[in-house]
């Protein structure tokens, strides 16, 4: 598993360009499950900043020969 942080702008791009699989609200906390860039992601949204902590599968991390950050940069650059 890989954990990363995204800004409110990056999260907005992910929500616009991905497929929302589920969303759950826990008081002010929102959790989004997205299919984005070929992987399923869990985004825990910060209610203060609007950014999120994103959890992605191990197959996307550097130990597995990939990088979710590289994939995100490629997707956002397109």
PDB file of N, CA and C in Angstrom:
ATOM      1  N   UNK A   1       0.846  -1.163   0.000  1.00  0.00           N
ATOM      2  CA  UNK A   1       0.000   0.000   0.000  1.00  0.00           C
ATOM      3  C   UNK A   1       0.893   1.227   0.000  1.00  0.00           C
ATOM      4  N   UNK A   2       0.458   2.236  -0.724  1.00  0.00           N
ATOM      5  CA  UNK A   2       1.174   3.504  -0.756  1.00  0.00           C
ATOM      6  C   UNK A   2       0.233   4.598  -0.281  1.00  0.00           C
ATOM      7  N   UNK A   3       0.767   5.513   0.504  1.00  0.00           N
ATOM      8  CA  UNK A   3      -0.013   6.633   1.014  1.00  0.00           C
ATOM      9  C   UNK A   3       0.627   7.919   0.510  1.00  0.00           C
ATOM     10  N   UNK A   4      -0.195   8.812  -0.030  1.00  0.00           N
ATOM     11  CA  UNK A   4       0.303  10.092  -0.503  1.00  0.00           C
ATOM     12  C   UNK A   4      -0.712  11.176  -0.161  1.00  0.00           C
ATOM     13  N   UNK A   5      -0.300  12.414  -0.335  1.00  0.00           N
ATOM     14  CA  UNK A   5      -1.155  13.554  -0.052  1.00  0.00           C
ATOM     15  C   UNK A   5      -1.393  14.324  -1.337  1.00  0.00           C
ATOM     16  N   UNK A   6      -2.629  14.775  -1.551  1.00  0.00           N
ATOM     17  CA  UNK A   6      -2.950  15.597  -2.713  1.00  0.00           C
ATOM     18  C   UNK A   6      -3.617  16.884  -2.245  1.00  0.00           C
ATOM     19  N   UNK A   7      -3.468  17.922  -3.041  1.00  0.00           N
ATOM     20  CA  UNK A   7      -4.093  19.210  -2.740  1.00  0.00           C
ATOM     21  C   UNK A   7      -5.554  19.191  -3.175  1.00  0.00           C
ATOM     22  N   UNK A   8      -6.270  20.249  -2.821  1.00  0.00           N
ATOM     23  CA  UNK A   8      -7.676  20.363  -3.217  1.00  0.00           C
ATOM     24  C   UNK A   8      -7.810  20.395  -4.742  1.00  0.00           C
ATOM     25  N   UNK A   9      -6.864  21.051  -5.421  1.00  0.00           N
ATOM     26  CA  UNK A   9      -6.902  21.119  -6.888  1.00  0.00           C
ATOM     27  C   UNK A   9      -6.648  19.749  -7.509  1.00  0.00           C
ATOM     28  N   UNK A  10      -5.675  19.027  -6.969  1.00  0.00           N
ATOM     29  CA  UNK A  10      -5.379  17.689  -7.488  1.00  0.00           C
ATOM     30  C   UNK A  10      -6.552  16.747  -7.248  1.00  0.00           C
ATOM     31  N   UNK A  11      -7.161  16.840  -6.070  1.00  0.00           N
ATOM     32  CA  UNK A  11      -8.325  15.997  -5.779  1.00  0.00           C
ATOM     33  C   UNK A  11      -9.473  16.320  -6.733  1.00  0.00           C
ATOM     34  N   UNK A  12      -9.683  17.605  -7.011  1.00  0.00           N
ATOM     35  CA  UNK A  12     -10.745  17.994  -7.947  1.00  0.00           C
ATOM     36  C   UNK A  12     -10.497  17.392  -9.328  1.00  0.00           C
ATOM     37  N   UNK A  13      -9.243  17.403  -9.783  1.00  0.00           N
ATOM     38  CA  UNK A  13      -8.904  16.790 -11.077  1.00  0.00           C
ATOM     39  C   UNK A  13      -9.142  15.283 -11.047  1.00  0.00           C
ATOM     40  N   UNK A  14      -8.800  14.659  -9.937  1.00  0.00           N
ATOM     41  CA  UNK A  14      -9.005  13.211  -9.815  1.00  0.00           C
ATOM     42  C   UNK A  14     -10.492  12.876  -9.839  1.00  0.00           C
ATOM     43  N   UNK A  15     -11.299  13.675  -9.149  1.00  0.00           N
ATOM     44  CA  UNK A  15     -12.743  13.433  -9.129  1.00  0.00           C
ATOM     45  C   UNK A  15     -13.359  13.672 -10.503  1.00  0.00           C
ATOM     46  N   UNK A  16     -12.875  14.694 -11.211  1.00  0.00           N
ATOM     47  CA  UNK A  16     -13.412  15.008 -12.540  1.00  0.00           C
ATOM     48  C   UNK A  16     -12.989  13.975 -13.584  1.00  0.00           C
ATOM     49  N   UNK A  17     -11.768  13.473 -13.467  1.00  0.00           N
ATOM     50  CA  UNK A  17     -11.246  12.568 -14.479  1.00  0.00           C
ATOM     51  C   UNK A  17     -11.390  11.096 -14.164  1.00  0.00           C
ATOM     52  N   UNK A  18     -11.827  10.791 -12.951  1.00  0.00           N
ATOM     53  CA  UNK A  18     -11.955   9.394 -12.550  1.00  0.00           C
ATOM     54  C   UNK A  18     -13.407   8.975 -12.417  1.00  0.00           C
ATOM     55  N   UNK A  19     -13.585   7.771 -11.957  1.00  0.00           N
ATOM     56  CA  UNK A  19     -14.934   7.243 -11.730  1.00  0.00           C
ATOM     57  C   UNK A  19     -15.132   7.086 -10.230  1.00  0.00           C
ATOM     58  N   UNK A  20     -16.144   7.738  -9.701  1.00  0.00           N
ATOM     59  CA  UNK A  20     -16.454   7.621  -8.277  1.00  0.00           C
ATOM     60  C   UNK A  20     -17.159   6.290  -8.039  1.00  0.00           C
ATOM     61  N   UNK A  21     -16.535   5.423  -7.268  1.00  0.00           N
ATOM     62  CA  UNK A  21     -17.107   4.115  -6.977  1.00  0.00           C
ATOM     63  C   UNK A  21     -17.987   4.145  -5.733  1.00  0.00           C
ATOM     64  N   UNK A  22     -17.606   4.978  -4.768  1.00  0.00           N
ATOM     65  CA  UNK A  22     -18.389   5.099  -3.535  1.00  0.00           C
ATOM     66  C   UNK A  22     -17.942   6.365  -2.823  1.00  0.00           C
ATOM     67  N   UNK A  23     -18.812   6.840  -1.954  1.00  0.00           N
ATOM     68  CA  UNK A  23     -18.483   7.976  -1.092  1.00  0.00           C
ATOM     69  C   UNK A  23     -19.205   7.771   0.225  1.00  0.00           C
ATOM     70  N   UNK A  24     -18.506   8.077   1.318  1.00  0.00           N
ATOM     71  CA  UNK A  24     -19.108   7.941   2.640  1.00  0.00           C
ATOM     72  C   UNK A  24     -18.753   9.172   3.461  1.00  0.00           C
ATOM     73  N   UNK A  25     -19.734   9.659   4.218  1.00  0.00           N
ATOM     74  CA  UNK A  25     -19.516  10.795   5.101  1.00  0.00           C
ATOM     75  C   UNK A  25     -19.573  10.326   6.548  1.00  0.00           C
ATOM     76  N   UNK A  26     -18.613  10.807   7.331  1.00  0.00           N
ATOM     77  CA  UNK A  26     -18.562  10.533   8.762  1.00  0.00           C
ATOM     78  C   UNK A  26     -18.457  11.881   9.459  1.00  0.00           C
ATOM     79  N   UNK A  27     -19.585  12.508   9.744  1.00  0.00           N
ATOM     80  CA  UNK A  27     -19.562  13.869  10.266  1.00  0.00           C
ATOM     81  C   UNK A  27     -18.947  14.772   9.216  1.00  0.00           C
ATOM     82  N   UNK A  28     -17.934  15.558   9.570  1.00  0.00           N
ATOM     83  CA  UNK A  28     -17.315  16.442   8.584  1.00  0.00           C
ATOM     84  C   UNK A  28     -16.325  15.723   7.665  1.00  0.00           C
ATOM     85  N   UNK A  29     -15.990  14.476   7.986  1.00  0.00           N
ATOM     86  CA  UNK A  29     -14.996  13.713   7.214  1.00  0.00           C
ATOM     87  C   UNK A  29     -15.666  13.016   6.030  1.00  0.00           C
ATOM     88  N   UNK A  30     -15.044  13.117   4.842  1.00  0.00           N
ATOM     89  CA  UNK A  30     -15.564  12.433   3.644  1.00  0.00           C
ATOM     90  C   UNK A  30     -14.506  11.471   3.146  1.00  0.00           C
ATOM     91  N   UNK A  31     -14.952  10.285   2.757  1.00  0.00           N
ATOM     92  CA  UNK A  31     -14.074   9.275   2.170  1.00  0.00           C
ATOM     93  C   UNK A  31     -14.599   8.971   0.771  1.00  0.00           C
ATOM     94  N   UNK A  32     -13.713   9.094  -0.217  1.00  0.00           N
ATOM     95  CA  UNK A  32     -14.058   8.817  -1.617  1.00  0.00           C
ATOM     96  C   UNK A  32     -13.309   7.571  -2.069  1.00  0.00           C
ATOM     97  N   UNK A  33     -14.001   6.696  -2.766  1.00  0.00           N
ATOM     98  CA  UNK A  33     -13.363   5.555  -3.414  1.00  0.00           C
ATOM     99  C   UNK A  33     -13.465   5.818  -4.906  1.00  0.00           C
ATOM    100  N   UNK A  34     -12.303   5.916  -5.570  1.00  0.00           N
ATOM    101  CA  UNK A  34     -12.243   6.301  -6.984  1.00  0.00           C
ATOM    102  C   UNK A  34     -11.506   5.262  -7.808  1.00  0.00           C
ATOM    103  N   UNK A  35     -11.890   5.157  -9.066  1.00  0.00           N
ATOM    104  CA  UNK A  35     -11.081   4.440 -10.055  1.00  0.00           C
ATOM    105  C   UNK A  35     -10.475   5.537 -10.912  1.00  0.00           C
ATOM    106  N   UNK A  36      -9.159   5.694 -10.808  1.00  0.00           N
ATOM    107  CA  UNK A  36      -8.474   6.801 -11.484  1.00  0.00           C
ATOM    108  C   UNK A  36      -7.106   6.334 -11.942  1.00  0.00           C
ATOM    109  N   UNK A  37      -6.787   6.587 -13.178  1.00  0.00           N
ATOM    110  CA  UNK A  37      -5.476   6.215 -13.699  1.00  0.00           C
ATOM    111  C   UNK A  37      -5.250   4.717 -13.734  1.00  0.00           C
ATOM    112  N   UNK A  38      -6.314   3.941 -13.820  1.00  0.00           N
ATOM    113  CA  UNK A  38      -6.188   2.487 -13.915  1.00  0.00           C
ATOM    114  C   UNK A  38      -6.146   1.755 -12.581  1.00  0.00           C
ATOM    115  N   UNK A  39      -6.273   2.486 -11.477  1.00  0.00           N
ATOM    116  CA  UNK A  39      -6.257   1.847 -10.160  1.00  0.00           C
ATOM    117  C   UNK A  39      -7.407   2.363  -9.307  1.00  0.00           C
ATOM    118  N   UNK A  40      -7.792   1.575  -8.324  1.00  0.00           N
ATOM    119  CA  UNK A  40      -8.774   2.005  -7.337  1.00  0.00           C
ATOM    120  C   UNK A  40      -8.041   2.683  -6.192  1.00  0.00           C
ATOM    121  N   UNK A  41      -8.544   3.827  -5.768  1.00  0.00           N
ATOM    122  CA  UNK A  41      -7.917   4.636  -4.729  1.00  0.00           C
ATOM    123  C   UNK A  41      -8.918   4.953  -3.636  1.00  0.00           C
ATOM    124  N   UNK A  42      -8.407   5.101  -2.434  1.00  0.00           N
ATOM    125  CA  UNK A  42      -9.191   5.565  -1.308  1.00  0.00           C
ATOM    126  C   UNK A  42      -8.672   6.951  -0.950  1.00  0.00           C
ATOM    127  N   UNK A  43      -9.531   7.963  -0.994  1.00  0.00           N
ATOM    128  CA  UNK A  43      -9.137   9.333  -0.669  1.00  0.00           C
ATOM    129  C   UNK A  43      -9.897   9.778   0.572  1.00  0.00           C
ATOM    130  N   UNK A  44      -9.154  10.072   1.629  1.00  0.00           N
ATOM    131  CA  UNK A  44      -9.739  10.573   2.869  1.00  0.00           C
ATOM    132  C   UNK A  44      -9.581  12.098   2.840  1.00  0.00           C
ATOM    133  N   UNK A  45     -10.696  12.785   2.673  1.00  0.00           N
ATOM    134  CA  UNK A  45     -10.683  14.219   2.438  1.00  0.00           C
ATOM    135  C   UNK A  45     -10.589  14.982   3.758  1.00  0.00           C
ATOM    136  N   UNK A  46      -9.678  15.950   3.798  1.00  0.00           N
ATOM    137  CA  UNK A  46      -9.511  16.819   4.959  1.00  0.00           C
ATOM    138  C   UNK A  46     -10.616  17.878   4.921  1.00  0.00           C
ATOM    139  N   UNK A  47     -11.484  17.935   5.927  1.00  0.00           N
ATOM    140  CA  UNK A  47     -12.595  18.897   5.890  1.00  0.00           C
ATOM    141  C   UNK A  47     -12.150  20.353   6.009  1.00  0.00           C
ATOM    142  N   UNK A  48     -10.926  20.597   6.454  1.00  0.00           N
ATOM    143  CA  UNK A  48     -10.435  21.962   6.605  1.00  0.00           C
ATOM    144  C   UNK A  48      -9.802  22.465   5.313  1.00  0.00           C
ATOM    145  N   UNK A  49      -8.894  21.673   4.723  1.00  0.00           N
ATOM    146  CA  UNK A  49      -8.158  22.124   3.533  1.00  0.00           C
ATOM    147  C   UNK A  49      -8.803  21.703   2.226  1.00  0.00           C
ATOM    148  N   UNK A  50      -9.600  20.632   2.238  1.00  0.00           N
ATOM    149  CA  UNK A  50     -10.181  20.107   1.007  1.00  0.00           C
ATOM    150  C   UNK A  50      -9.248  19.183   0.257  1.00  0.00           C
ATOM    151  N   UNK A  51      -8.006  19.075   0.705  1.00  0.00           N
ATOM    152  CA  UNK A  51      -7.072  18.108   0.133  1.00  0.00           C
ATOM    153  C   UNK A  51      -7.393  16.724   0.672  1.00  0.00           C
ATOM    154  N   UNK A  52      -6.547  15.759   0.367  1.00  0.00           N
ATOM    155  CA  UNK A  52      -6.838  14.397   0.820  1.00  0.00           C
ATOM    156  C   UNK A  52      -5.567  13.591   1.008  1.00  0.00           C
ATOM    157  N   UNK A  53      -5.692  12.585   1.841  1.00  0.00           N
ATOM    158  CA  UNK A  53      -4.693  11.537   1.943  1.00  0.00           C
ATOM    159  C   UNK A  53      -5.216  10.405   1.061  1.00  0.00           C
ATOM    160  N   UNK A  54      -4.369   9.943   0.133  1.00  0.00           N
ATOM    161  CA  UNK A  54      -4.784   8.934  -0.840  1.00  0.00           C
ATOM    162  C   UNK A  54      -4.037   7.632  -0.567  1.00  0.00           C
ATOM    163  N   UNK A  55      -4.793   6.545  -0.487  1.00  0.00           N
ATOM    164  CA  UNK A  55      -4.221   5.216  -0.292  1.00  0.00           C
ATOM    165  C   UNK A  55      -4.421   4.442  -1.586  1.00  0.00           C
ATOM    166  N   UNK A  56      -3.320   3.896  -2.105  1.00  0.00           N
ATOM    167  CA  UNK A  56      -3.364   3.161  -3.370  1.00  0.00           C
ATOM    168  C   UNK A  56      -2.738   1.785  -3.194  1.00  0.00           C
ATOM    169  N   UNK A  57      -3.004   0.861  -4.117  1.00  0.00           N
ATOM    170  CA  UNK A  57      -2.483  -0.502  -3.998  1.00  0.00           C
ATOM    171  C   UNK A  57      -0.966  -0.581  -4.132  1.00  0.00           C
ATOM    172  N   UNK A  58      -0.402  -1.628  -3.598  1.00  0.00           N
ATOM    173  CA  UNK A  58       1.054  -1.843  -3.632  1.00  0.00           C
ATOM    174  C   UNK A  58       1.597  -1.899  -5.044  1.00  0.00           C
ATOM    175  N   UNK A  59       0.850  -2.386  -5.990  1.00  0.00           N
ATOM    176  CA  UNK A  59       1.349  -2.542  -7.353  1.00  0.00           C
ATOM    177  C   UNK A  59       1.743  -1.207  -7.959  1.00  0.00           C
ATOM    178  N   UNK A  60       1.323  -0.114  -7.351  1.00  0.00           N
ATOM    179  CA  UNK A  60       1.628   1.204  -7.884  1.00  0.00           C
ATOM    180  C   UNK A  60       2.798   1.874  -7.177  1.00  0.00           C
ATOM    181  N   UNK A  61       3.394   1.234  -6.173  1.00  0.00           N
ATOM    182  CA  UNK A  61       4.465   1.907  -5.443  1.00  0.00           C
ATOM    183  C   UNK A  61       5.836   1.571  -6.013  1.00  0.00           C
ATOM    184  N   UNK A  62       6.835   2.297  -5.567  1.00  0.00           N
ATOM    185  CA  UNK A  62       8.179   2.143  -6.132  1.00  0.00           C
ATOM    186  C   UNK A  62       8.786   0.777  -5.846  1.00  0.00           C
ATOM    187  N   UNK A  63       8.391   0.137  -4.758  1.00  0.00           N
ATOM    188  CA  UNK A  63       8.896  -1.201  -4.454  1.00  0.00           C
ATOM    189  C   UNK A  63       8.395  -2.241  -5.452  1.00  0.00           C
ATOM    190  N   UNK A  64       7.308  -1.926  -6.138  1.00  0.00           N
ATOM    191  CA  UNK A  64       6.731  -2.849  -7.113  1.00  0.00           C
ATOM    192  C   UNK A  64       7.024  -2.432  -8.541  1.00  0.00           C
ATOM    193  N   UNK A  65       7.933  -1.482  -8.714  1.00  0.00           N
ATOM    194  CA  UNK A  65       8.329  -1.075 -10.056  1.00  0.00           C
ATOM    195  C   UNK A  65       7.502   0.032 -10.650  1.00  0.00           C
ATOM    196  N   UNK A  66       6.655   0.662  -9.857  1.00  0.00           N
ATOM    197  CA  UNK A  66       5.838   1.755 -10.366  1.00  0.00           C
ATOM    198  C   UNK A  66       5.822   2.893  -9.380  1.00  0.00           C
ATOM    199  N   UNK A  67       5.150   3.950  -9.713  1.00  0.00           N
ATOM    200  CA  UNK A  67       5.029   5.089  -8.815  1.00  0.00           C
ATOM    201  C   UNK A  67       3.690   5.759  -9.039  1.00  0.00           C
ATOM    202  N   UNK A  68       2.869   5.812  -8.005  1.00  0.00           N
ATOM    203  CA  UNK A  68       1.585   6.475  -8.118  1.00  0.00           C
ATOM    204  C   UNK A  68       1.788   7.961  -8.384  1.00  0.00           C
ATOM    205  N   UNK A  69       2.902   8.536  -7.905  1.00  0.00           N
ATOM    206  CA  UNK A  69       3.180   9.949  -8.152  1.00  0.00           C
ATOM    207  C   UNK A  69       3.470  10.196  -9.623  1.00  0.00           C
ATOM    208  N   UNK A  70       4.274   9.305 -10.249  1.00  0.00           N
ATOM    209  CA  UNK A  70       4.538   9.423 -11.676  1.00  0.00           C
ATOM    210  C   UNK A  70       3.257   9.276 -12.469  1.00  0.00           C
ATOM    211  N   UNK A  71       2.420   8.313 -12.081  1.00  0.00           N
ATOM    212  CA  UNK A  71       1.150   8.103 -12.777  1.00  0.00           C
ATOM    213  C   UNK A  71       0.258   9.335 -12.638  1.00  0.00           C
ATOM    214  N   UNK A  72       0.218   9.930 -11.447  1.00  0.00           N
ATOM    215  CA  UNK A  72      -0.595  11.131 -11.241  1.00  0.00           C
ATOM    216  C   UNK A  72      -0.093  12.297 -12.069  1.00  0.00           C
ATOM    217  N   UNK A  73       1.243  12.485 -12.108  1.00  0.00           N
ATOM    218  CA  UNK A  73       1.797  13.577 -12.899  1.00  0.00           C
ATOM    219  C   UNK A  73       1.462  13.392 -14.376  1.00  0.00           C
ATOM    220  N   UNK A  74       1.535  12.155 -14.873  1.00  0.00           N
ATOM    221  CA  UNK A  74       1.224  11.894 -16.280  1.00  0.00           C
ATOM    222  C   UNK A  74      -0.245  12.166 -16.557  1.00  0.00           C
ATOM    223  N   UNK A  75      -1.132  11.745 -15.641  1.00  0.00           N
ATOM    224  CA  UNK A  75      -2.555  11.954 -15.836  1.00  0.00           C
ATOM    225  C   UNK A  75      -2.912  13.438 -15.788  1.00  0.00           C
ATOM    226  N   UNK A  76      -2.315  14.180 -14.850  1.00  0.00           N
ATOM    227  CA  UNK A  76      -2.618  15.604 -14.721  1.00  0.00           C
ATOM    228  C   UNK A  76      -2.030  16.425 -15.838  1.00  0.00           C
ATOM    229  N   UNK A  77      -0.945  15.954 -16.450  1.00  0.00           N
ATOM    230  CA  UNK A  77      -0.305  16.674 -17.543  1.00  0.00           C
ATOM    231  C   UNK A  77      -1.067  16.514 -18.848  1.00  0.00           C
ATOM    232  N   UNK A  78      -1.856  15.470 -18.943  1.00  0.00           N
ATOM    233  CA  UNK A  78      -2.583  15.190 -20.204  1.00  0.00           C
ATOM    234  C   UNK A  78      -3.715  16.155 -20.433  1.00  0.00           C
TER     235      UNK A  78
END
